[in-house]
Amino acid sequence: MAKDEDVIENKEGKGSKGAILLVIILIVGIGLGFGSAYFMVSSSKKEEPKVIAIPDSLEDGTPNYEKVLLENIAVNPISKNTKRMRVLACSFAFDIKPLIKGTEEFEKKRLQITDKVITYLSSREVSFLKDPKAKKIIKKEILFRINKELKDSKIINLYFTQYILQ
């Protein structure tokens, strides 16, 4: 009988250790879950865009912007219902402010800016690009995309210096 009691005590001891281990695993798992959720939520908060107040003119009254060029952009826009390849060739001039600093930042990011313009234009359909009203939309979209890329300067005007769709 003593052996039976020892066996029962051993079974109870193993069972309580297993229960404690299970509780510890559950607590750690729940903690990790909450910690991961908190980290995901806190890291996904978007930064507010930085608003830059750049005066339009300098103290002496001269304009606080200058022109920069983005030339010889050629893209193959989306052509539906045709086997013919279409090409859009265009160039732009921008007014960027502030003086010197704006041009320096534009030049440093010229490749990224060119990529954004090409990506946008090549994603448009030919029927959209042929529409004369589309140029206003294109201007707004390109201005938005470039200004998003620039941190210390701002494009204030965009001019088409070439726009040929063949």
N, C-alpha and C. Protein backbone atom coordinates (compact mmCIF):
# COMPACT_ATOMS: atom_id res chain seq x y z
N MET A 1 0.79 -1.19 0.00
CA MET A 1 0.00 0.00 0.00
C MET A 1 0.83 1.26 0.00
N ALA A 2 1.93 1.21 0.65
CA ALA A 2 2.82 2.35 0.70
C ALA A 2 3.32 2.67 -0.69
N LYS A 3 3.54 1.64 -1.47
CA LYS A 3 3.99 1.87 -2.84
C LYS A 3 2.89 2.56 -3.65
N ASP A 4 1.64 2.22 -3.46
CA ASP A 4 0.53 2.84 -4.17
C ASP A 4 0.42 4.32 -3.83
N GLU A 5 0.63 4.66 -2.55
CA GLU A 5 0.57 6.06 -2.12
C GLU A 5 1.71 6.86 -2.75
N ASP A 6 2.92 6.24 -2.82
CA ASP A 6 4.07 6.92 -3.44
C ASP A 6 3.78 7.19 -4.91
N VAL A 7 3.18 6.25 -5.59
CA VAL A 7 2.86 6.40 -7.01
C VAL A 7 1.86 7.52 -7.19
N ILE A 8 0.84 7.60 -6.35
CA ILE A 8 -0.16 8.65 -6.43
C ILE A 8 0.48 10.01 -6.17
N GLU A 9 1.37 10.11 -5.16
CA GLU A 9 2.05 11.36 -4.86
C GLU A 9 2.94 11.78 -6.03
N ASN A 10 3.65 10.85 -6.65
CA ASN A 10 4.51 11.17 -7.80
C ASN A 10 3.68 11.68 -8.97
N LYS A 11 2.53 11.07 -9.20
CA LYS A 11 1.66 11.50 -10.29
C LYS A 11 1.15 12.90 -10.02
N GLU A 12 0.76 13.17 -8.77
CA GLU A 12 0.28 14.51 -8.43
C GLU A 12 1.40 15.53 -8.55
N GLY A 13 2.60 15.20 -8.19
CA GLY A 13 3.74 16.11 -8.28
C GLY A 13 4.06 16.44 -9.72
N LYS A 14 4.04 15.46 -10.59
CA LYS A 14 4.31 15.69 -12.01
C LYS A 14 3.21 16.53 -12.63
N GLY A 15 1.99 16.29 -12.25
CA GLY A 15 0.86 17.03 -12.79
C GLY A 15 0.91 18.49 -12.39
N SER A 16 1.26 18.79 -11.17
CA SER A 16 1.31 20.19 -10.72
C SER A 16 2.46 20.93 -11.37
N LYS A 17 3.58 20.23 -11.60
CA LYS A 17 4.71 20.87 -12.30
C LYS A 17 4.32 21.19 -13.74
N GLY A 18 3.60 20.30 -14.37
CA GLY A 18 3.14 20.51 -15.75
C GLY A 18 2.17 21.67 -15.84
N ALA A 19 1.29 21.77 -14.83
CA ALA A 19 0.32 22.87 -14.81
C ALA A 19 1.03 24.20 -14.62
N ILE A 20 2.01 24.23 -13.75
CA ILE A 20 2.78 25.46 -13.52
C ILE A 20 3.52 25.85 -14.79
N LEU A 21 4.12 24.89 -15.44
CA LEU A 21 4.84 25.14 -16.69
C LEU A 21 3.89 25.66 -17.76
N LEU A 22 2.70 25.09 -17.84
CA LEU A 22 1.70 25.53 -18.81
C LEU A 22 1.27 26.97 -18.53
N VAL A 23 1.06 27.30 -17.27
CA VAL A 23 0.68 28.67 -16.89
C VAL A 23 1.79 29.66 -17.25
N ILE A 24 3.02 29.29 -16.98
CA ILE A 24 4.16 30.17 -17.31
C ILE A 24 4.24 30.38 -18.82
N ILE A 25 4.07 29.33 -19.59
CA ILE A 25 4.11 29.44 -21.06
C ILE A 25 2.98 30.33 -21.55
N LEU A 26 1.79 30.17 -20.99
CA LEU A 26 0.66 31.02 -21.37
C LEU A 26 0.93 32.49 -21.05
N ILE A 27 1.45 32.77 -19.87
CA ILE A 27 1.74 34.15 -19.47
C ILE A 27 2.78 34.76 -20.40
N VAL A 28 3.84 34.03 -20.69
CA VAL A 28 4.89 34.53 -21.59
C VAL A 28 4.32 34.75 -22.99
N GLY A 29 3.51 33.82 -23.46
CA GLY A 29 2.90 33.95 -24.79
C GLY A 29 1.99 35.15 -24.89
N ILE A 30 1.16 35.35 -23.87
CA ILE A 30 0.26 36.52 -23.87
C ILE A 30 1.08 37.81 -23.81
N GLY A 31 2.12 37.82 -23.00
CA GLY A 31 2.98 39.01 -22.92
C GLY A 31 3.64 39.32 -24.24
N LEU A 32 4.14 38.29 -24.90
CA LEU A 32 4.75 38.49 -26.21
C LEU A 32 3.73 38.99 -27.23
N GLY A 33 2.53 38.45 -27.16
CA GLY A 33 1.47 38.88 -28.08
C GLY A 33 1.14 40.35 -27.90
N PHE A 34 0.93 40.77 -26.64
CA PHE A 34 0.62 42.18 -26.37
C PHE A 34 1.81 43.08 -26.73
N GLY A 35 3.01 42.61 -26.42
CA GLY A 35 4.20 43.41 -26.75
C GLY A 35 4.35 43.60 -28.25
N SER A 36 4.12 42.53 -29.00
CA SER A 36 4.21 42.62 -30.47
C SER A 36 3.15 43.55 -31.02
N ALA A 37 1.92 43.43 -30.50
CA ALA A 37 0.84 44.29 -30.97
C ALA A 37 1.15 45.75 -30.67
N TYR A 38 1.66 46.04 -29.49
CA TYR A 38 2.01 47.42 -29.13
C TYR A 38 3.10 47.96 -30.04
N PHE A 39 4.11 47.14 -30.31
CA PHE A 39 5.21 47.58 -31.17
C PHE A 39 4.71 47.85 -32.58
N MET A 40 3.84 46.98 -33.11
CA MET A 40 3.32 47.16 -34.46
C MET A 40 2.50 48.43 -34.57
N VAL A 41 1.66 48.69 -33.57
CA VAL A 41 0.81 49.87 -33.60
C VAL A 41 1.64 51.14 -33.45
N SER A 42 2.60 51.13 -32.54
CA SER A 42 3.39 52.34 -32.32
C SER A 42 4.33 52.63 -33.48
N SER A 43 4.83 51.60 -34.17
CA SER A 43 5.74 51.84 -35.29
C SER A 43 5.01 52.17 -36.57
N SER A 44 3.71 51.90 -36.65
CA SER A 44 2.97 52.19 -37.87
C SER A 44 2.40 53.60 -37.90
N LYS A 45 2.61 54.38 -36.85
CA LYS A 45 2.13 55.76 -36.85
C LYS A 45 2.91 56.54 -37.89
N LYS A 46 2.18 57.23 -38.75
CA LYS A 46 2.83 57.97 -39.81
C LYS A 46 3.26 59.33 -39.29
N GLU A 47 4.44 59.73 -39.75
CA GLU A 47 4.93 61.06 -39.39
C GLU A 47 4.14 62.10 -40.16
N GLU A 48 3.83 63.17 -39.48
CA GLU A 48 3.15 64.27 -40.15
C GLU A 48 4.14 64.93 -41.09
N PRO A 49 3.71 65.31 -42.29
CA PRO A 49 4.64 65.97 -43.21
C PRO A 49 5.11 67.29 -42.62
N LYS A 50 6.39 67.56 -42.86
CA LYS A 50 6.98 68.78 -42.35
C LYS A 50 6.55 69.95 -43.22
N VAL A 51 5.99 70.97 -42.60
CA VAL A 51 5.57 72.16 -43.33
C VAL A 51 6.73 73.16 -43.29
N ILE A 52 7.15 73.57 -44.47
CA ILE A 52 8.27 74.50 -44.57
C ILE A 52 7.74 75.85 -45.02
N ALA A 53 7.99 76.85 -44.22
CA ALA A 53 7.59 78.21 -44.60
C ALA A 53 8.78 78.86 -45.30
N ILE A 54 8.69 78.97 -46.60
CA ILE A 54 9.76 79.57 -47.40
C ILE A 54 9.22 80.84 -48.02
N PRO A 55 9.82 81.98 -47.71
CA PRO A 55 9.29 83.24 -48.28
C PRO A 55 9.41 83.26 -49.80
N ASP A 56 8.47 83.96 -50.45
CA ASP A 56 8.46 84.05 -51.91
C ASP A 56 9.54 84.99 -52.44
N SER A 57 9.97 85.92 -51.62
CA SER A 57 11.01 86.85 -52.07
C SER A 57 12.00 87.10 -50.95
N LEU A 58 13.18 87.52 -51.34
CA LEU A 58 14.22 87.84 -50.37
C LEU A 58 13.99 89.24 -49.83
N GLU A 59 14.82 89.66 -48.87
CA GLU A 59 14.66 90.97 -48.24
C GLU A 59 14.74 92.11 -49.24
N ASP A 60 15.56 91.95 -50.27
CA ASP A 60 15.71 93.02 -51.26
C ASP A 60 14.63 92.96 -52.35
N GLY A 61 13.68 92.02 -52.24
CA GLY A 61 12.57 91.95 -53.18
C GLY A 61 12.78 91.01 -54.34
N THR A 62 13.97 90.44 -54.50
CA THR A 62 14.20 89.50 -55.59
C THR A 62 13.50 88.17 -55.28
N PRO A 63 13.03 87.49 -56.31
CA PRO A 63 12.33 86.22 -56.08
C PRO A 63 13.23 85.21 -55.36
N ASN A 64 12.63 84.42 -54.49
CA ASN A 64 13.36 83.41 -53.72
C ASN A 64 13.20 82.03 -54.36
N TYR A 65 13.20 81.98 -55.66
CA TYR A 65 13.11 80.70 -56.35
C TYR A 65 13.92 80.79 -57.63
N GLU A 66 14.22 79.63 -58.18
CA GLU A 66 14.92 79.58 -59.45
C GLU A 66 14.39 78.42 -60.27
N LYS A 67 14.76 78.39 -61.52
CA LYS A 67 14.27 77.36 -62.43
C LYS A 67 15.26 76.19 -62.49
N VAL A 68 14.70 74.99 -62.52
CA VAL A 68 15.50 73.80 -62.77
C VAL A 68 14.79 73.02 -63.88
N LEU A 69 15.56 72.27 -64.64
CA LEU A 69 15.02 71.53 -65.78
C LEU A 69 15.09 70.03 -65.55
N LEU A 70 14.10 69.34 -66.07
CA LEU A 70 14.09 67.89 -66.12
C LEU A 70 13.72 67.56 -67.56
N GLU A 71 14.72 67.18 -68.34
CA GLU A 71 14.53 67.07 -69.78
C GLU A 71 14.63 65.63 -70.26
N ASN A 72 14.10 65.45 -71.48
CA ASN A 72 14.22 64.20 -72.23
C ASN A 72 13.67 62.98 -71.49
N ILE A 73 12.46 63.13 -71.00
CA ILE A 73 11.76 62.00 -70.40
C ILE A 73 10.98 61.31 -71.52
N ALA A 74 11.19 60.02 -71.68
CA ALA A 74 10.46 59.25 -72.69
C ALA A 74 9.89 58.01 -72.02
N VAL A 75 8.59 57.81 -72.18
CA VAL A 75 7.94 56.66 -71.56
C VAL A 75 7.05 55.96 -72.58
N ASN A 76 6.75 54.73 -72.29
CA ASN A 76 5.83 53.93 -73.08
C ASN A 76 4.55 53.79 -72.26
N PRO A 77 3.56 54.66 -72.50
CA PRO A 77 2.33 54.58 -71.70
C PRO A 77 1.50 53.34 -72.04
N ILE A 78 0.52 53.06 -71.21
CA ILE A 78 -0.35 51.91 -71.40
C ILE A 78 -1.20 52.12 -72.65
N SER A 79 -1.14 51.18 -73.57
CA SER A 79 -1.90 51.23 -74.82
C SER A 79 -2.88 50.07 -74.84
N LYS A 80 -4.14 50.35 -74.63
CA LYS A 80 -5.15 49.29 -74.68
C LYS A 80 -5.74 49.21 -76.09
N ASN A 81 -6.11 48.02 -76.48
CA ASN A 81 -6.78 47.78 -77.77
C ASN A 81 -5.95 48.19 -78.98
N THR A 82 -4.65 48.13 -78.88
CA THR A 82 -3.82 48.44 -80.03
C THR A 82 -2.52 47.65 -79.93
N LYS A 83 -2.00 47.29 -81.06
CA LYS A 83 -0.72 46.59 -81.08
C LYS A 83 0.42 47.56 -81.35
N ARG A 84 0.08 48.80 -81.60
CA ARG A 84 1.06 49.82 -81.91
C ARG A 84 1.70 50.36 -80.63
N MET A 85 3.01 50.50 -80.64
CA MET A 85 3.70 51.04 -79.47
C MET A 85 3.57 52.56 -79.47
N ARG A 86 3.23 53.12 -78.35
CA ARG A 86 3.10 54.57 -78.20
C ARG A 86 4.23 55.08 -77.32
N VAL A 87 4.66 56.31 -77.58
CA VAL A 87 5.74 56.92 -76.81
C VAL A 87 5.33 58.34 -76.45
N LEU A 88 5.56 58.68 -75.18
CA LEU A 88 5.39 60.06 -74.73
C LEU A 88 6.77 60.61 -74.43
N ALA A 89 7.12 61.69 -75.11
CA ALA A 89 8.38 62.37 -74.86
C ALA A 89 8.05 63.73 -74.27
N CYS A 90 8.67 64.05 -73.14
CA CYS A 90 8.36 65.33 -72.51
C CYS A 90 9.55 65.85 -71.72
N SER A 91 9.50 67.14 -71.47
CA SER A 91 10.50 67.82 -70.65
C SER A 91 9.75 68.81 -69.78
N PHE A 92 10.35 69.15 -68.64
CA PHE A 92 9.72 70.05 -67.69
C PHE A 92 10.69 71.11 -67.21
N ALA A 93 10.13 72.22 -66.80
CA ALA A 93 10.88 73.24 -66.06
C ALA A 93 10.11 73.45 -64.77
N PHE A 94 10.84 73.65 -63.67
CA PHE A 94 10.23 73.84 -62.37
C PHE A 94 10.73 75.13 -61.74
N ASP A 95 9.86 75.80 -61.00
CA ASP A 95 10.30 76.86 -60.11
C ASP A 95 10.46 76.20 -58.75
N ILE A 96 11.66 76.30 -58.18
CA ILE A 96 11.93 75.67 -56.90
C ILE A 96 12.46 76.73 -55.93
N LYS A 97 12.02 76.64 -54.70
CA LYS A 97 12.51 77.57 -53.70
C LYS A 97 12.95 76.79 -52.48
N PRO A 98 13.84 77.29 -51.68
CA PRO A 98 14.53 78.57 -51.74
C PRO A 98 15.70 78.54 -52.73
N LEU A 99 16.19 79.72 -53.01
CA LEU A 99 17.33 79.86 -53.92
C LEU A 99 18.49 78.98 -53.45
N ILE A 100 19.27 78.52 -54.33
CA ILE A 100 20.48 77.71 -54.14
C ILE A 100 20.19 76.41 -53.41
N LYS A 101 19.66 76.47 -52.20
CA LYS A 101 19.39 75.27 -51.41
C LYS A 101 18.39 74.36 -52.14
N GLY A 102 17.39 74.94 -52.77
CA GLY A 102 16.40 74.16 -53.51
C GLY A 102 17.02 73.44 -54.69
N THR A 103 17.84 74.16 -55.43
CA THR A 103 18.50 73.55 -56.59
C THR A 103 19.47 72.46 -56.16
N GLU A 104 20.19 72.69 -55.07
CA GLU A 104 21.12 71.68 -54.58
C GLU A 104 20.39 70.39 -54.19
N GLU A 105 19.27 70.54 -53.49
CA GLU A 105 18.51 69.35 -53.10
C GLU A 105 17.94 68.65 -54.33
N PHE A 106 17.43 69.43 -55.29
CA PHE A 106 16.89 68.84 -56.52
C PHE A 106 17.97 68.04 -57.24
N GLU A 107 19.16 68.59 -57.35
CA GLU A 107 20.25 67.90 -58.05
C GLU A 107 20.66 66.62 -57.32
N LYS A 108 20.67 66.66 -55.99
CA LYS A 108 21.02 65.47 -55.22
C LYS A 108 20.00 64.36 -55.43
N LYS A 109 18.74 64.74 -55.63
CA LYS A 109 17.66 63.76 -55.74
C LYS A 109 17.13 63.64 -57.17
N ARG A 110 17.89 64.10 -58.13
CA ARG A 110 17.45 64.10 -59.53
C ARG A 110 17.04 62.69 -60.00
N LEU A 111 17.81 61.68 -59.66
CA LEU A 111 17.48 60.31 -60.09
C LEU A 111 16.15 59.84 -59.51
N GLN A 112 15.93 60.09 -58.21
CA GLN A 112 14.68 59.68 -57.58
C GLN A 112 13.50 60.44 -58.18
N ILE A 113 13.70 61.74 -58.44
CA ILE A 113 12.64 62.57 -59.02
C ILE A 113 12.31 62.09 -60.43
N THR A 114 13.33 61.84 -61.23
CA THR A 114 13.12 61.34 -62.59
C THR A 114 12.37 60.01 -62.55
N ASP A 115 12.74 59.13 -61.64
CA ASP A 115 12.06 57.84 -61.51
C ASP A 115 10.59 58.03 -61.16
N LYS A 116 10.28 58.94 -60.26
CA LYS A 116 8.88 59.19 -59.88
C LYS A 116 8.07 59.70 -61.08
N VAL A 117 8.66 60.59 -61.86
CA VAL A 117 7.96 61.14 -63.03
C VAL A 117 7.73 60.04 -64.07
N ILE A 118 8.75 59.26 -64.36
CA ILE A 118 8.63 58.18 -65.34
C ILE A 118 7.62 57.14 -64.88
N THR A 119 7.67 56.76 -63.62
CA THR A 119 6.73 55.77 -63.09
C THR A 119 5.30 56.26 -63.21
N TYR A 120 5.07 57.52 -62.87
CA TYR A 120 3.71 58.07 -62.97
C TYR A 120 3.23 58.10 -64.42
N LEU A 121 4.04 58.67 -65.31
CA LEU A 121 3.61 58.82 -66.71
C LEU A 121 3.42 57.47 -67.41
N SER A 122 4.28 56.52 -67.12
CA SER A 122 4.16 55.23 -67.80
C SER A 122 2.99 54.41 -67.26
N SER A 123 2.44 54.78 -66.13
CA SER A 123 1.29 54.07 -65.59
C SER A 123 -0.04 54.63 -66.11
N ARG A 124 0.02 55.69 -66.89
CA ARG A 124 -1.20 56.31 -67.44
C ARG A 124 -1.52 55.73 -68.81
N GLU A 125 -2.79 55.74 -69.15
CA GLU A 125 -3.22 55.24 -70.45
C GLU A 125 -3.07 56.32 -71.52
N VAL A 126 -2.89 55.90 -72.75
CA VAL A 126 -2.74 56.83 -73.87
C VAL A 126 -3.96 57.74 -73.98
N SER A 127 -5.15 57.18 -73.80
CA SER A 127 -6.37 57.99 -73.91
C SER A 127 -6.37 59.14 -72.90
N PHE A 128 -5.82 58.90 -71.72
CA PHE A 128 -5.72 59.97 -70.72
C PHE A 128 -4.69 61.01 -71.15
N LEU A 129 -3.55 60.55 -71.60
CA LEU A 129 -2.45 61.47 -71.96
C LEU A 129 -2.79 62.33 -73.18
N LYS A 130 -3.72 61.85 -74.06
CA LYS A 130 -4.13 62.63 -75.23
C LYS A 130 -5.08 63.76 -74.87
N ASP A 131 -5.78 63.63 -73.79
CA ASP A 131 -6.78 64.61 -73.38
C ASP A 131 -6.11 65.92 -72.94
N PRO A 132 -6.46 67.05 -73.57
CA PRO A 132 -5.84 68.34 -73.19
C PRO A 132 -6.07 68.71 -71.72
N LYS A 133 -7.19 68.27 -71.16
CA LYS A 133 -7.48 68.57 -69.75
C LYS A 133 -6.57 67.79 -68.80
N ALA A 134 -5.98 66.72 -69.30
CA ALA A 134 -5.14 65.87 -68.45
C ALA A 134 -3.87 66.57 -68.00
N LYS A 135 -3.42 67.55 -68.75
CA LYS A 135 -2.17 68.23 -68.39
C LYS A 135 -2.25 68.87 -67.01
N LYS A 136 -3.40 69.40 -66.65
CA LYS A 136 -3.56 69.99 -65.31
C LYS A 136 -3.44 68.92 -64.23
N ILE A 137 -4.03 67.77 -64.49
CA ILE A 137 -3.96 66.66 -63.53
C ILE A 137 -2.52 66.16 -63.43
N ILE A 138 -1.88 66.03 -64.58
CA ILE A 138 -0.49 65.56 -64.61
C ILE A 138 0.39 66.52 -63.81
N LYS A 139 0.20 67.82 -64.01
CA LYS A 139 0.99 68.81 -63.26
C LYS A 139 0.82 68.62 -61.76
N LYS A 140 -0.43 68.51 -61.32
CA LYS A 140 -0.70 68.35 -59.88
C LYS A 140 -0.07 67.09 -59.33
N GLU A 141 -0.22 65.99 -60.06
CA GLU A 141 0.32 64.71 -59.60
C GLU A 141 1.85 64.73 -59.52
N ILE A 142 2.47 65.28 -60.54
CA ILE A 142 3.94 65.34 -60.54
C ILE A 142 4.44 66.27 -59.44
N LEU A 143 3.81 67.43 -59.29
CA LEU A 143 4.18 68.34 -58.20
C LEU A 143 4.07 67.65 -56.85
N PHE A 144 2.98 66.94 -56.63
CA PHE A 144 2.77 66.24 -55.37
C PHE A 144 3.88 65.21 -55.14
N ARG A 145 4.18 64.40 -56.14
CA ARG A 145 5.18 63.34 -55.99
C ARG A 145 6.58 63.91 -55.75
N ILE A 146 6.93 64.97 -56.46
CA ILE A 146 8.26 65.55 -56.28
C ILE A 146 8.37 66.23 -54.92
N ASN A 147 7.36 67.00 -54.54
CA ASN A 147 7.42 67.69 -53.24
C ASN A 147 7.45 66.71 -52.08
N LYS A 148 6.87 65.53 -52.27
CA LYS A 148 6.94 64.49 -51.25
C LYS A 148 8.38 64.00 -51.08
N GLU A 149 9.14 64.01 -52.16
CA GLU A 149 10.53 63.56 -52.14
C GLU A 149 11.46 64.62 -51.52
N LEU A 150 11.14 65.88 -51.75
CA LEU A 150 11.98 66.97 -51.26
C LEU A 150 11.68 67.25 -49.79
N LYS A 151 12.71 67.51 -49.00
CA LYS A 151 12.52 67.76 -47.57
C LYS A 151 12.74 69.22 -47.20
N ASP A 152 13.72 69.88 -47.81
CA ASP A 152 14.09 71.24 -47.41
C ASP A 152 13.74 72.29 -48.46
N SER A 153 13.06 71.89 -49.50
CA SER A 153 12.69 72.83 -50.56
C SER A 153 11.33 72.45 -51.11
N LYS A 154 10.86 73.24 -52.05
CA LYS A 154 9.51 73.00 -52.58
C LYS A 154 9.42 73.47 -54.02
N ILE A 155 8.79 72.65 -54.85
CA ILE A 155 8.48 73.04 -56.23
C ILE A 155 7.20 73.86 -56.17
N ILE A 156 7.22 75.06 -56.73
CA ILE A 156 6.02 75.90 -56.68
C ILE A 156 5.30 75.98 -58.03
N ASN A 157 6.01 75.73 -59.12
CA ASN A 157 5.38 75.73 -60.45
C ASN A 157 6.04 74.66 -61.31
N LEU A 158 5.25 74.12 -62.23
CA LEU A 158 5.75 73.14 -63.19
C LEU A 158 5.31 73.63 -64.57
N TYR A 159 6.24 73.58 -65.51
CA TYR A 159 5.94 73.99 -66.89
C TYR A 159 6.33 72.85 -67.82
N PHE A 160 5.46 72.56 -68.79
CA PHE A 160 5.81 71.60 -69.84
C PHE A 160 6.65 72.38 -70.84
N THR A 161 7.86 71.92 -71.12
CA THR A 161 8.67 72.55 -72.16
C THR A 161 8.65 71.70 -73.43
N GLN A 162 8.17 70.46 -73.28
CA GLN A 162 8.00 69.56 -74.43
C GLN A 162 6.96 68.52 -74.01
N TYR A 163 6.05 68.20 -74.96
CA TYR A 163 5.03 67.18 -74.70
C TYR A 163 4.59 66.61 -76.03
N ILE A 164 5.17 65.47 -76.38
CA ILE A 164 4.88 64.86 -77.67
C ILE A 164 4.43 63.42 -77.44
N LEU A 165 3.23 63.10 -77.93
CA LEU A 165 2.70 61.75 -77.82
C LEU A 165 2.58 61.18 -79.23
N GLN A 166 3.30 60.11 -79.50
CA GLN A 166 3.27 59.49 -80.82
C GLN A 166 2.83 58.05 -80.72
